[in-house]
Amino acid sequence: MGTDIHGWIECRTWREGLNHDETAWSPAINLPMLGMPRDYDAFACLFGVRDVDATWHPVAPSRGLPPDTSPEVREEHAAWAGSAFAETWLTWPEARAIDWTEPAAPRITHIARYHRAPDGTLRLVDRHDWSGGFARASSVNTLTTSPADLAALYPEGTEWTTGTTLYRAERARRRDAVPEDGPWAPVWTVMETLAAVHGEGNVRLVAWFDE
């Protein structure tokens, strides 16, 4: 079974029923409206969900729903009954402060394959290679060994070359799991826009998962 994310971007502002000088959290836009797919790399990096190899120190792991979650979002969450898990929230200041160059856990996370041009420059062909070509170049049995197993055998940066192909043992950075132009770009854009109007501390993402 797959894992999906659900939730809303909330904004703290005036809403009907409040005094003119009061504010409360209100739903602004939900993740399906922003086209959020199953994005397991991001789920692991940001929330620790589906991170079976403990690759990341998640930014916002299973914090639960905020006690002041808007009634509409709380009602939608309740509709998932017992299937929802890993409820959490992430403020815009926290999202903005993420260090996208931060590496994953201190071990190799993948083998990248590059093509070497005649002038010596390298072009990335496949960030996650685990092919017969790598097996032949490295003498690693890819049928009985996993990329995580290589952490005990080779340091980050180890390279294997065959012809114009170079394989390199690498460690992912947060920007690899959550690319700047990837599925989360619309989420960050909306949060940033709302923060410019309502204040940075008044925008957050409230989310949960189901399988």
N, C-alpha and C. Protein backbone atom coordinates (compact mmCIF):
# COMPACT_ATOMS: atom_id res chain seq x y z
N MET A 1 0.83 -1.20 0.00
CA MET A 1 0.00 0.00 0.00
C MET A 1 0.87 1.25 0.00
N GLY A 2 0.38 2.30 -0.64
CA GLY A 2 1.13 3.55 -0.68
C GLY A 2 0.76 4.47 0.45
N THR A 3 1.57 5.49 0.64
CA THR A 3 1.33 6.49 1.67
C THR A 3 1.04 7.83 1.01
N ASP A 4 -0.03 8.48 1.45
CA ASP A 4 -0.42 9.78 0.92
C ASP A 4 -0.40 10.82 2.04
N ILE A 5 -0.19 12.05 1.64
CA ILE A 5 -0.22 13.17 2.58
C ILE A 5 -1.51 13.97 2.37
N HIS A 6 -2.06 14.45 3.47
CA HIS A 6 -3.26 15.28 3.43
C HIS A 6 -3.02 16.49 4.33
N GLY A 7 -3.73 17.55 4.08
CA GLY A 7 -3.60 18.69 4.98
C GLY A 7 -3.88 20.01 4.31
N TRP A 8 -3.66 21.04 5.09
CA TRP A 8 -3.98 22.41 4.68
C TRP A 8 -2.87 23.37 5.07
N ILE A 9 -2.74 24.42 4.28
CA ILE A 9 -2.01 25.60 4.73
C ILE A 9 -3.03 26.46 5.48
N GLU A 10 -2.70 26.81 6.71
CA GLU A 10 -3.56 27.64 7.53
C GLU A 10 -2.95 29.02 7.70
N CYS A 11 -3.83 29.98 7.92
CA CYS A 11 -3.40 31.36 8.14
C CYS A 11 -4.13 31.89 9.37
N ARG A 12 -3.40 32.56 10.24
CA ARG A 12 -4.03 33.17 11.42
C ARG A 12 -4.41 34.60 11.09
N THR A 13 -5.73 34.84 11.07
CA THR A 13 -6.25 36.14 10.68
C THR A 13 -7.64 36.32 11.29
N TRP A 14 -8.25 37.46 11.04
CA TRP A 14 -9.62 37.65 11.50
C TRP A 14 -10.55 36.75 10.71
N ARG A 15 -11.58 36.22 11.39
CA ARG A 15 -12.60 35.44 10.72
C ARG A 15 -13.94 35.75 11.36
N GLU A 16 -14.99 35.44 10.65
CA GLU A 16 -16.34 35.74 11.12
C GLU A 16 -16.58 35.13 12.49
N GLY A 17 -17.18 35.90 13.36
CA GLY A 17 -17.48 35.45 14.70
C GLY A 17 -16.52 35.98 15.74
N LEU A 18 -15.42 36.59 15.30
CA LEU A 18 -14.44 37.14 16.22
C LEU A 18 -14.65 38.63 16.39
N ASN A 19 -14.14 39.16 17.49
CA ASN A 19 -14.11 40.61 17.65
C ASN A 19 -13.16 41.20 16.63
N HIS A 20 -13.28 42.47 16.39
CA HIS A 20 -12.51 43.09 15.31
C HIS A 20 -11.01 43.02 15.56
N ASP A 21 -10.58 42.88 16.81
CA ASP A 21 -9.16 42.85 17.13
C ASP A 21 -8.66 41.44 17.43
N GLU A 22 -9.45 40.42 17.15
CA GLU A 22 -9.07 39.04 17.41
C GLU A 22 -8.69 38.32 16.12
N THR A 23 -7.88 37.28 16.26
CA THR A 23 -7.50 36.44 15.12
C THR A 23 -7.62 34.97 15.52
N ALA A 24 -7.72 34.12 14.53
CA ALA A 24 -7.75 32.67 14.76
C ALA A 24 -7.27 32.00 13.48
N TRP A 25 -6.88 30.73 13.61
CA TRP A 25 -6.39 30.00 12.44
C TRP A 25 -7.55 29.63 11.53
N SER A 26 -7.33 29.82 10.24
CA SER A 26 -8.32 29.50 9.23
C SER A 26 -7.67 28.74 8.08
N PRO A 27 -8.38 27.81 7.45
CA PRO A 27 -7.81 27.09 6.31
C PRO A 27 -7.70 28.02 5.10
N ALA A 28 -6.57 27.96 4.42
CA ALA A 28 -6.35 28.80 3.24
C ALA A 28 -6.45 27.99 1.95
N ILE A 29 -5.69 26.89 1.86
CA ILE A 29 -5.72 26.06 0.65
C ILE A 29 -5.23 24.68 1.04
N ASN A 30 -5.82 23.63 0.45
CA ASN A 30 -5.40 22.28 0.83
C ASN A 30 -4.35 21.74 -0.14
N LEU A 31 -3.66 20.69 0.29
CA LEU A 31 -2.57 20.15 -0.50
C LEU A 31 -3.03 19.56 -1.84
N PRO A 32 -4.19 18.89 -1.92
CA PRO A 32 -4.62 18.42 -3.24
C PRO A 32 -4.77 19.55 -4.25
N MET A 33 -5.22 20.71 -3.80
CA MET A 33 -5.36 21.85 -4.72
C MET A 33 -4.01 22.27 -5.29
N LEU A 34 -2.94 22.00 -4.55
CA LEU A 34 -1.59 22.36 -4.99
C LEU A 34 -0.91 21.21 -5.73
N GLY A 35 -1.67 20.15 -6.01
CA GLY A 35 -1.15 19.06 -6.83
C GLY A 35 -0.14 18.18 -6.12
N MET A 36 -0.24 18.05 -4.80
CA MET A 36 0.75 17.28 -4.06
C MET A 36 0.65 15.78 -4.36
N PRO A 37 1.71 15.16 -4.89
CA PRO A 37 1.69 13.73 -5.18
C PRO A 37 2.26 12.93 -4.01
N ARG A 38 2.35 11.64 -4.18
CA ARG A 38 3.15 10.82 -3.28
C ARG A 38 4.62 11.16 -3.53
N ASP A 39 5.27 11.66 -2.52
CA ASP A 39 6.65 12.13 -2.67
C ASP A 39 7.45 11.59 -1.49
N TYR A 40 7.83 10.31 -1.59
CA TYR A 40 8.40 9.63 -0.44
C TYR A 40 9.72 10.23 0.02
N ASP A 41 10.53 10.73 -0.91
CA ASP A 41 11.79 11.37 -0.50
C ASP A 41 11.51 12.57 0.39
N ALA A 42 10.53 13.39 -0.02
CA ALA A 42 10.18 14.57 0.77
C ALA A 42 9.51 14.18 2.08
N PHE A 43 8.62 13.17 2.04
CA PHE A 43 7.97 12.73 3.27
C PHE A 43 9.02 12.35 4.31
N ALA A 44 10.06 11.65 3.88
CA ALA A 44 11.11 11.22 4.80
C ALA A 44 11.93 12.40 5.30
N CYS A 45 12.32 13.25 4.37
CA CYS A 45 13.19 14.38 4.70
C CYS A 45 12.51 15.38 5.63
N LEU A 46 11.27 15.71 5.34
CA LEU A 46 10.57 16.74 6.10
C LEU A 46 9.90 16.21 7.36
N PHE A 47 9.33 14.98 7.26
CA PHE A 47 8.47 14.51 8.34
C PHE A 47 8.87 13.16 8.94
N GLY A 48 9.90 12.53 8.39
CA GLY A 48 10.33 11.23 8.91
C GLY A 48 9.40 10.09 8.55
N VAL A 49 8.51 10.29 7.58
CA VAL A 49 7.55 9.27 7.16
C VAL A 49 8.13 8.47 6.02
N ARG A 50 8.07 7.14 6.12
CA ARG A 50 8.64 6.20 5.14
C ARG A 50 10.15 6.30 5.05
N ASP A 51 10.78 6.71 6.11
CA ASP A 51 12.25 6.78 6.14
C ASP A 51 12.76 5.50 6.79
N VAL A 52 12.67 4.40 6.07
CA VAL A 52 12.96 3.09 6.65
C VAL A 52 14.42 2.93 7.03
N ASP A 53 15.31 3.66 6.36
CA ASP A 53 16.74 3.56 6.66
C ASP A 53 17.23 4.66 7.59
N ALA A 54 16.29 5.42 8.18
CA ALA A 54 16.66 6.53 9.06
C ALA A 54 17.69 7.43 8.39
N THR A 55 17.37 7.82 7.16
CA THR A 55 18.29 8.63 6.36
C THR A 55 18.34 10.08 6.83
N TRP A 56 17.23 10.60 7.35
CA TRP A 56 17.14 12.03 7.65
C TRP A 56 16.82 12.30 9.11
N HIS A 57 17.23 13.48 9.55
CA HIS A 57 16.73 14.06 10.79
C HIS A 57 15.55 14.94 10.36
N PRO A 58 14.33 14.46 10.50
CA PRO A 58 13.19 15.19 9.93
C PRO A 58 13.00 16.56 10.56
N VAL A 59 12.47 17.47 9.77
CA VAL A 59 12.25 18.84 10.21
C VAL A 59 11.08 18.92 11.19
N ALA A 60 9.99 18.22 10.89
CA ALA A 60 8.78 18.30 11.71
C ALA A 60 8.17 16.91 11.87
N PRO A 61 8.75 16.06 12.72
CA PRO A 61 8.27 14.69 12.82
C PRO A 61 7.13 14.52 13.83
N SER A 62 5.98 14.08 13.37
CA SER A 62 4.87 13.63 14.23
C SER A 62 4.65 14.53 15.44
N ARG A 63 4.37 15.78 15.21
CA ARG A 63 4.13 16.72 16.30
C ARG A 63 2.68 16.67 16.80
N GLY A 64 1.82 15.99 16.07
CA GLY A 64 0.40 16.02 16.38
C GLY A 64 -0.25 17.26 15.78
N LEU A 65 -1.57 17.32 15.86
CA LEU A 65 -2.26 18.51 15.40
C LEU A 65 -2.05 19.64 16.40
N PRO A 66 -1.86 20.87 15.95
CA PRO A 66 -1.77 21.99 16.89
C PRO A 66 -3.07 22.08 17.71
N PRO A 67 -2.97 22.46 18.97
CA PRO A 67 -4.20 22.55 19.78
C PRO A 67 -5.18 23.58 19.25
N ASP A 68 -4.70 24.58 18.50
CA ASP A 68 -5.58 25.61 17.96
C ASP A 68 -5.84 25.43 16.47
N THR A 69 -5.74 24.19 15.99
CA THR A 69 -6.07 23.91 14.60
C THR A 69 -7.47 24.42 14.27
N SER A 70 -7.65 24.97 13.09
CA SER A 70 -8.96 25.50 12.71
C SER A 70 -10.00 24.38 12.73
N PRO A 71 -11.24 24.70 13.07
CA PRO A 71 -12.30 23.68 13.14
C PRO A 71 -12.47 22.90 11.84
N GLU A 72 -12.34 23.59 10.71
CA GLU A 72 -12.53 22.93 9.42
C GLU A 72 -11.46 21.86 9.18
N VAL A 73 -10.22 22.19 9.48
CA VAL A 73 -9.13 21.23 9.29
C VAL A 73 -9.26 20.08 10.29
N ARG A 74 -9.60 20.39 11.52
CA ARG A 74 -9.78 19.34 12.52
C ARG A 74 -10.91 18.39 12.11
N GLU A 75 -11.97 18.94 11.55
CA GLU A 75 -13.09 18.11 11.10
C GLU A 75 -12.67 17.19 9.96
N GLU A 76 -11.91 17.73 9.01
CA GLU A 76 -11.45 16.90 7.90
C GLU A 76 -10.54 15.79 8.40
N HIS A 77 -9.63 16.12 9.33
CA HIS A 77 -8.76 15.10 9.89
C HIS A 77 -9.57 14.01 10.57
N ALA A 78 -10.59 14.39 11.31
CA ALA A 78 -11.41 13.42 12.02
C ALA A 78 -12.12 12.47 11.06
N ALA A 79 -12.39 12.93 9.84
CA ALA A 79 -13.08 12.10 8.86
C ALA A 79 -12.24 10.91 8.43
N TRP A 80 -10.92 11.00 8.65
CA TRP A 80 -10.04 9.88 8.31
C TRP A 80 -10.03 8.81 9.39
N ALA A 81 -10.75 9.09 10.48
CA ALA A 81 -10.90 8.11 11.58
C ALA A 81 -9.54 7.56 12.00
N GLY A 82 -9.42 6.26 12.11
CA GLY A 82 -8.18 5.67 12.62
C GLY A 82 -7.11 5.47 11.58
N SER A 83 -7.36 5.87 10.34
CA SER A 83 -6.36 5.62 9.29
C SER A 83 -5.29 6.71 9.23
N ALA A 84 -5.54 7.85 9.82
CA ALA A 84 -4.56 8.94 9.79
C ALA A 84 -3.45 8.68 10.81
N PHE A 85 -2.23 9.06 10.45
CA PHE A 85 -1.10 8.91 11.36
C PHE A 85 -0.07 10.00 11.06
N ALA A 86 0.91 10.11 11.96
CA ALA A 86 2.02 11.05 11.81
C ALA A 86 1.54 12.49 11.63
N GLU A 87 0.50 12.86 12.35
CA GLU A 87 0.01 14.24 12.27
C GLU A 87 1.11 15.21 12.69
N THR A 88 1.18 16.33 12.00
CA THR A 88 2.25 17.27 12.30
C THR A 88 1.92 18.65 11.74
N TRP A 89 2.80 19.59 11.99
CA TRP A 89 2.64 20.94 11.45
C TRP A 89 4.02 21.56 11.27
N LEU A 90 4.07 22.53 10.36
CA LEU A 90 5.32 23.19 10.00
C LEU A 90 5.03 24.66 9.74
N THR A 91 5.65 25.55 10.49
CA THR A 91 5.41 26.98 10.29
C THR A 91 6.23 27.48 9.11
N TRP A 92 5.82 28.64 8.58
CA TRP A 92 6.58 29.22 7.48
C TRP A 92 7.99 29.62 7.93
N PRO A 93 8.20 30.22 9.11
CA PRO A 93 9.58 30.50 9.52
C PRO A 93 10.44 29.24 9.59
N GLU A 94 9.88 28.12 10.02
CA GLU A 94 10.65 26.88 10.06
C GLU A 94 10.98 26.41 8.65
N ALA A 95 10.01 26.48 7.75
CA ALA A 95 10.26 26.06 6.38
C ALA A 95 11.32 26.95 5.73
N ARG A 96 11.21 28.24 5.96
CA ARG A 96 12.15 29.19 5.36
C ARG A 96 13.57 28.99 5.90
N ALA A 97 13.68 28.47 7.12
CA ALA A 97 14.99 28.30 7.76
C ALA A 97 15.65 26.97 7.43
N ILE A 98 14.98 26.10 6.67
CA ILE A 98 15.58 24.80 6.35
C ILE A 98 16.88 24.99 5.59
N ASP A 99 17.91 24.29 6.02
CA ASP A 99 19.20 24.31 5.32
C ASP A 99 19.16 23.22 4.26
N TRP A 100 18.95 23.62 3.02
CA TRP A 100 18.79 22.64 1.94
C TRP A 100 20.10 21.98 1.56
N THR A 101 21.22 22.49 2.07
CA THR A 101 22.51 21.84 1.82
C THR A 101 22.84 20.81 2.89
N GLU A 102 22.01 20.68 3.91
CA GLU A 102 22.29 19.74 4.99
C GLU A 102 22.28 18.31 4.46
N PRO A 103 23.31 17.53 4.77
CA PRO A 103 23.37 16.16 4.25
C PRO A 103 22.49 15.21 5.04
N ALA A 104 22.25 14.07 4.45
CA ALA A 104 21.52 13.00 5.11
C ALA A 104 22.39 12.40 6.21
N ALA A 105 21.90 11.33 6.80
CA ALA A 105 22.65 10.65 7.86
C ALA A 105 24.08 10.38 7.39
N PRO A 106 25.03 10.29 8.31
CA PRO A 106 26.45 10.20 7.94
C PRO A 106 26.83 8.87 7.30
N ARG A 107 26.27 8.64 6.13
CA ARG A 107 26.63 7.44 5.38
C ARG A 107 26.17 7.62 3.93
N ILE A 108 26.69 6.80 3.06
CA ILE A 108 26.28 6.81 1.66
C ILE A 108 24.78 6.57 1.56
N THR A 109 24.13 7.29 0.68
CA THR A 109 22.70 7.07 0.46
C THR A 109 22.40 6.56 -0.95
N HIS A 110 23.32 6.76 -1.90
CA HIS A 110 23.03 6.32 -3.26
C HIS A 110 24.30 6.29 -4.10
N ILE A 111 24.19 5.63 -5.24
CA ILE A 111 25.24 5.63 -6.25
C ILE A 111 24.74 6.45 -7.43
N ALA A 112 25.50 7.48 -7.78
CA ALA A 112 25.14 8.33 -8.91
C ALA A 112 25.98 7.94 -10.13
N ARG A 113 25.38 8.01 -11.30
CA ARG A 113 26.07 7.69 -12.55
C ARG A 113 26.23 8.95 -13.39
N TYR A 114 27.47 9.20 -13.84
CA TYR A 114 27.79 10.38 -14.63
C TYR A 114 28.39 9.95 -15.97
N HIS A 115 28.24 10.83 -16.96
CA HIS A 115 28.92 10.66 -18.24
C HIS A 115 30.04 11.69 -18.32
N ARG A 116 31.25 11.23 -18.64
CA ARG A 116 32.39 12.13 -18.75
C ARG A 116 32.57 12.54 -20.21
N ALA A 117 32.49 13.84 -20.46
CA ALA A 117 32.66 14.38 -21.80
C ALA A 117 34.14 14.41 -22.18
N PRO A 118 34.46 14.60 -23.47
CA PRO A 118 35.86 14.65 -23.89
C PRO A 118 36.67 15.72 -23.17
N ASP A 119 36.03 16.81 -22.73
CA ASP A 119 36.78 17.85 -22.03
C ASP A 119 36.90 17.57 -20.53
N GLY A 120 36.40 16.41 -20.09
CA GLY A 120 36.54 16.02 -18.69
C GLY A 120 35.37 16.40 -17.80
N THR A 121 34.43 17.20 -18.30
CA THR A 121 33.30 17.59 -17.47
C THR A 121 32.34 16.41 -17.30
N LEU A 122 31.64 16.41 -16.18
CA LEU A 122 30.72 15.32 -15.85
C LEU A 122 29.27 15.79 -15.97
N ARG A 123 28.43 14.93 -16.55
CA ARG A 123 27.00 15.19 -16.65
C ARG A 123 26.25 14.09 -15.91
N LEU A 124 25.40 14.48 -14.96
CA LEU A 124 24.63 13.50 -14.21
C LEU A 124 23.65 12.79 -15.13
N VAL A 125 23.69 11.48 -15.12
CA VAL A 125 22.78 10.66 -15.93
C VAL A 125 21.69 10.05 -15.06
N ASP A 126 22.07 9.54 -13.89
CA ASP A 126 21.10 8.88 -13.00
C ASP A 126 21.58 9.07 -11.57
N ARG A 127 20.75 9.73 -10.75
CA ARG A 127 21.15 9.99 -9.36
C ARG A 127 21.11 8.73 -8.50
N HIS A 128 20.26 7.79 -8.87
CA HIS A 128 20.11 6.56 -8.09
C HIS A 128 20.31 5.36 -9.01
N ASP A 129 21.57 5.02 -9.26
CA ASP A 129 21.90 3.91 -10.14
C ASP A 129 22.19 2.66 -9.30
N TRP A 130 21.60 1.56 -9.71
CA TRP A 130 21.91 0.28 -9.06
C TRP A 130 21.81 -0.81 -10.12
N SER A 131 22.62 -0.62 -11.14
CA SER A 131 22.48 -1.39 -12.36
C SER A 131 23.56 -2.45 -12.49
N GLY A 132 23.39 -3.27 -13.53
CA GLY A 132 24.42 -4.24 -13.84
C GLY A 132 25.73 -3.57 -14.23
N GLY A 133 25.62 -2.40 -14.86
CA GLY A 133 26.84 -1.66 -15.21
C GLY A 133 27.63 -1.28 -13.98
N PHE A 134 26.95 -0.81 -12.94
CA PHE A 134 27.66 -0.49 -11.70
C PHE A 134 28.24 -1.75 -11.08
N ALA A 135 27.51 -2.85 -11.12
CA ALA A 135 28.00 -4.11 -10.55
C ALA A 135 29.30 -4.54 -11.24
N ARG A 136 29.34 -4.41 -12.56
CA ARG A 136 30.54 -4.80 -13.29
C ARG A 136 31.71 -3.85 -13.00
N ALA A 137 31.44 -2.56 -12.88
CA ALA A 137 32.51 -1.59 -12.65
C ALA A 137 33.07 -1.69 -11.24
N SER A 138 32.23 -2.05 -10.26
CA SER A 138 32.64 -2.01 -8.86
C SER A 138 32.89 -3.37 -8.25
N SER A 139 32.45 -4.43 -8.94
CA SER A 139 32.50 -5.80 -8.40
C SER A 139 31.59 -5.97 -7.19
N VAL A 140 30.63 -5.08 -7.02
CA VAL A 140 29.61 -5.20 -5.97
C VAL A 140 28.47 -6.04 -6.51
N ASN A 141 28.06 -7.04 -5.75
CA ASN A 141 26.93 -7.86 -6.14
C ASN A 141 25.64 -7.12 -5.80
N THR A 142 25.03 -6.51 -6.80
CA THR A 142 23.84 -5.69 -6.55
C THR A 142 22.59 -6.52 -6.27
N LEU A 143 22.69 -7.84 -6.41
CA LEU A 143 21.55 -8.70 -6.11
C LEU A 143 21.50 -9.04 -4.62
N THR A 144 22.64 -9.07 -3.97
CA THR A 144 22.68 -9.43 -2.55
C THR A 144 23.08 -8.27 -1.66
N THR A 145 23.37 -7.12 -2.26
CA THR A 145 23.81 -5.94 -1.51
C THR A 145 22.87 -4.79 -1.84
N SER A 146 22.60 -3.95 -0.87
CA SER A 146 21.79 -2.76 -1.10
C SER A 146 22.66 -1.52 -1.01
N PRO A 147 22.21 -0.38 -1.53
CA PRO A 147 23.01 0.84 -1.40
C PRO A 147 23.35 1.17 0.05
N ALA A 148 22.42 0.89 0.98
CA ALA A 148 22.70 1.18 2.39
C ALA A 148 23.85 0.34 2.92
N ASP A 149 24.02 -0.87 2.36
CA ASP A 149 25.11 -1.74 2.82
C ASP A 149 26.48 -1.18 2.47
N LEU A 150 26.54 -0.35 1.42
CA LEU A 150 27.83 0.17 0.98
C LEU A 150 28.45 1.12 1.99
N ALA A 151 27.64 1.67 2.89
CA ALA A 151 28.16 2.62 3.87
C ALA A 151 29.25 2.00 4.72
N ALA A 152 29.16 0.68 4.95
CA ALA A 152 30.17 0.00 5.76
C ALA A 152 31.39 -0.38 4.93
N LEU A 153 31.30 -0.23 3.62
CA LEU A 153 32.38 -0.69 2.75
C LEU A 153 33.17 0.44 2.12
N TYR A 154 32.50 1.56 1.81
CA TYR A 154 33.16 2.63 1.07
C TYR A 154 32.81 3.99 1.67
N PRO A 155 33.76 4.92 1.69
CA PRO A 155 33.45 6.27 2.16
C PRO A 155 32.75 7.07 1.07
N GLU A 156 32.10 8.12 1.49
CA GLU A 156 31.47 9.04 0.55
C GLU A 156 32.52 9.57 -0.42
N GLY A 157 32.16 9.60 -1.70
CA GLY A 157 33.08 10.10 -2.72
C GLY A 157 33.84 9.02 -3.46
N THR A 158 33.73 7.76 -3.03
CA THR A 158 34.39 6.68 -3.75
C THR A 158 33.88 6.62 -5.19
N GLU A 159 34.78 6.44 -6.13
CA GLU A 159 34.41 6.46 -7.54
C GLU A 159 34.87 5.19 -8.25
N TRP A 160 34.09 4.79 -9.25
CA TRP A 160 34.44 3.69 -10.14
C TRP A 160 34.24 4.19 -11.56
N THR A 161 35.21 3.97 -12.43
CA THR A 161 35.15 4.47 -13.80
C THR A 161 35.27 3.33 -14.78
N THR A 162 34.41 3.36 -15.80
CA THR A 162 34.53 2.42 -16.90
C THR A 162 34.21 3.18 -18.18
N GLY A 163 35.20 3.33 -19.04
CA GLY A 163 35.02 4.11 -20.26
C GLY A 163 34.67 5.55 -19.94
N THR A 164 33.57 6.05 -20.48
CA THR A 164 33.14 7.43 -20.23
C THR A 164 32.12 7.51 -19.08
N THR A 165 31.91 6.40 -18.40
CA THR A 165 30.94 6.36 -17.30
C THR A 165 31.65 6.37 -15.96
N LEU A 166 31.20 7.23 -15.07
CA LEU A 166 31.73 7.30 -13.72
C LEU A 166 30.61 7.08 -12.72
N TYR A 167 30.83 6.18 -11.78
CA TYR A 167 29.91 5.93 -10.68
C TYR A 167 30.52 6.51 -9.41
N ARG A 168 29.69 7.19 -8.61
CA ARG A 168 30.21 7.82 -7.39
C ARG A 168 29.28 7.53 -6.21
N ALA A 169 29.87 7.14 -5.09
CA ALA A 169 29.11 6.96 -3.85
C ALA A 169 28.85 8.34 -3.23
N GLU A 170 27.58 8.68 -3.09
CA GLU A 170 27.23 10.03 -2.65
C GLU A 170 26.29 10.00 -1.46
N ARG A 171 26.18 11.15 -0.82
CA ARG A 171 25.26 11.32 0.29
C ARG A 171 24.29 12.44 -0.08
N ALA A 172 23.01 12.16 0.00
CA ALA A 172 22.00 13.12 -0.42
C ALA A 172 21.99 14.35 0.47
N ARG A 173 21.63 15.48 -0.11
CA ARG A 173 21.34 16.71 0.62
C ARG A 173 19.82 16.92 0.61
N ARG A 174 19.36 17.77 1.52
CA ARG A 174 17.92 18.00 1.58
C ARG A 174 17.37 18.49 0.24
N ARG A 175 18.16 19.26 -0.49
CA ARG A 175 17.67 19.78 -1.77
C ARG A 175 17.50 18.66 -2.80
N ASP A 176 18.17 17.51 -2.58
CA ASP A 176 17.95 16.36 -3.46
C ASP A 176 16.59 15.72 -3.19
N ALA A 177 16.20 15.68 -1.91
CA ALA A 177 14.92 15.08 -1.53
C ALA A 177 13.76 16.02 -1.82
N VAL A 178 14.00 17.32 -1.67
CA VAL A 178 12.97 18.33 -1.90
C VAL A 178 13.53 19.37 -2.86
N PRO A 179 13.56 19.09 -4.15
CA PRO A 179 14.16 20.02 -5.12
C PRO A 179 13.42 21.35 -5.16
N GLU A 180 14.18 22.38 -5.46
CA GLU A 180 13.62 23.73 -5.50
C GLU A 180 12.47 23.84 -6.48
N ASP A 181 12.53 23.10 -7.58
CA ASP A 181 11.49 23.18 -8.62
C ASP A 181 10.59 21.95 -8.59
N GLY A 182 10.57 21.23 -7.47
CA GLY A 182 9.79 20.01 -7.36
C GLY A 182 8.36 20.23 -6.89
N PRO A 183 7.69 19.15 -6.45
CA PRO A 183 6.28 19.23 -6.08
C PRO A 183 5.98 20.16 -4.91
N TRP A 184 7.00 20.44 -4.09
CA TRP A 184 6.75 21.29 -2.93
C TRP A 184 6.89 22.78 -3.25
N ALA A 185 7.33 23.12 -4.44
CA ALA A 185 7.50 24.53 -4.79
C ALA A 185 6.20 25.33 -4.64
N PRO A 186 5.04 24.81 -5.11
CA PRO A 186 3.80 25.59 -4.91
C PRO A 186 3.45 25.80 -3.45
N VAL A 187 3.76 24.82 -2.60
CA VAL A 187 3.47 24.96 -1.17
C VAL A 187 4.27 26.11 -0.59
N TRP A 188 5.56 26.13 -0.88
CA TRP A 188 6.41 27.21 -0.35
C TRP A 188 5.96 28.57 -0.91
N THR A 189 5.58 28.60 -2.17
CA THR A 189 5.16 29.87 -2.78
C THR A 189 3.90 30.42 -2.09
N VAL A 190 2.92 29.56 -1.86
CA VAL A 190 1.69 30.00 -1.20
C VAL A 190 1.98 30.45 0.22
N MET A 191 2.78 29.70 0.95
CA MET A 191 3.09 30.07 2.32
C MET A 191 3.82 31.41 2.37
N GLU A 192 4.76 31.59 1.46
CA GLU A 192 5.50 32.86 1.42
C GLU A 192 4.58 34.02 1.09
N THR A 193 3.65 33.82 0.16
CA THR A 193 2.72 34.89 -0.21
C THR A 193 1.82 35.25 0.96
N LEU A 194 1.27 34.27 1.63
CA LEU A 194 0.41 34.54 2.78
C LEU A 194 1.19 35.21 3.90
N ALA A 195 2.44 34.80 4.09
CA ALA A 195 3.26 35.40 5.14
C ALA A 195 3.53 36.88 4.86
N ALA A 196 3.66 37.22 3.59
CA ALA A 196 3.88 38.62 3.23
C ALA A 196 2.68 39.48 3.57
N VAL A 197 1.49 38.87 3.57
CA VAL A 197 0.26 39.61 3.85
C VAL A 197 -0.06 39.61 5.35
N HIS A 198 0.07 38.44 5.98
CA HIS A 198 -0.43 38.27 7.34
C HIS A 198 0.67 38.18 8.40
N GLY A 199 1.93 38.11 7.97
CA GLY A 199 3.03 37.99 8.93
C GLY A 199 3.57 36.57 8.95
N GLU A 200 4.89 36.44 9.07
CA GLU A 200 5.53 35.13 8.95
C GLU A 200 5.06 34.14 10.00
N GLY A 201 4.80 34.62 11.21
CA GLY A 201 4.39 33.71 12.28
C GLY A 201 2.94 33.30 12.18
N ASN A 202 2.24 33.76 11.17
CA ASN A 202 0.81 33.50 11.05
C ASN A 202 0.46 32.55 9.90
N VAL A 203 1.44 31.78 9.45
CA VAL A 203 1.22 30.84 8.35
C VAL A 203 1.88 29.52 8.72
N ARG A 204 1.14 28.44 8.51
CA ARG A 204 1.70 27.11 8.80
C ARG A 204 1.02 26.07 7.93
N LEU A 205 1.70 24.93 7.79
CA LEU A 205 1.15 23.76 7.14
C LEU A 205 0.74 22.77 8.23
N VAL A 206 -0.48 22.27 8.17
CA VAL A 206 -0.95 21.21 9.06
C VAL A 206 -1.20 19.98 8.19
N ALA A 207 -0.59 18.85 8.53
CA ALA A 207 -0.64 17.69 7.64
C ALA A 207 -0.74 16.40 8.42
N TRP A 208 -1.21 15.36 7.72
CA TRP A 208 -1.21 13.99 8.25
C TRP A 208 -1.13 13.04 7.08
N PHE A 209 -0.95 11.77 7.38
CA PHE A 209 -0.70 10.75 6.36
C PHE A 209 -1.69 9.60 6.53
N ASP A 210 -1.86 8.84 5.44
CA ASP A 210 -2.62 7.59 5.55
C ASP A 210 -2.05 6.60 4.55
N GLU A 211 -2.31 5.33 4.80
CA GLU A 211 -1.86 4.26 3.90
C GLU A 211 -3.04 3.43 3.43
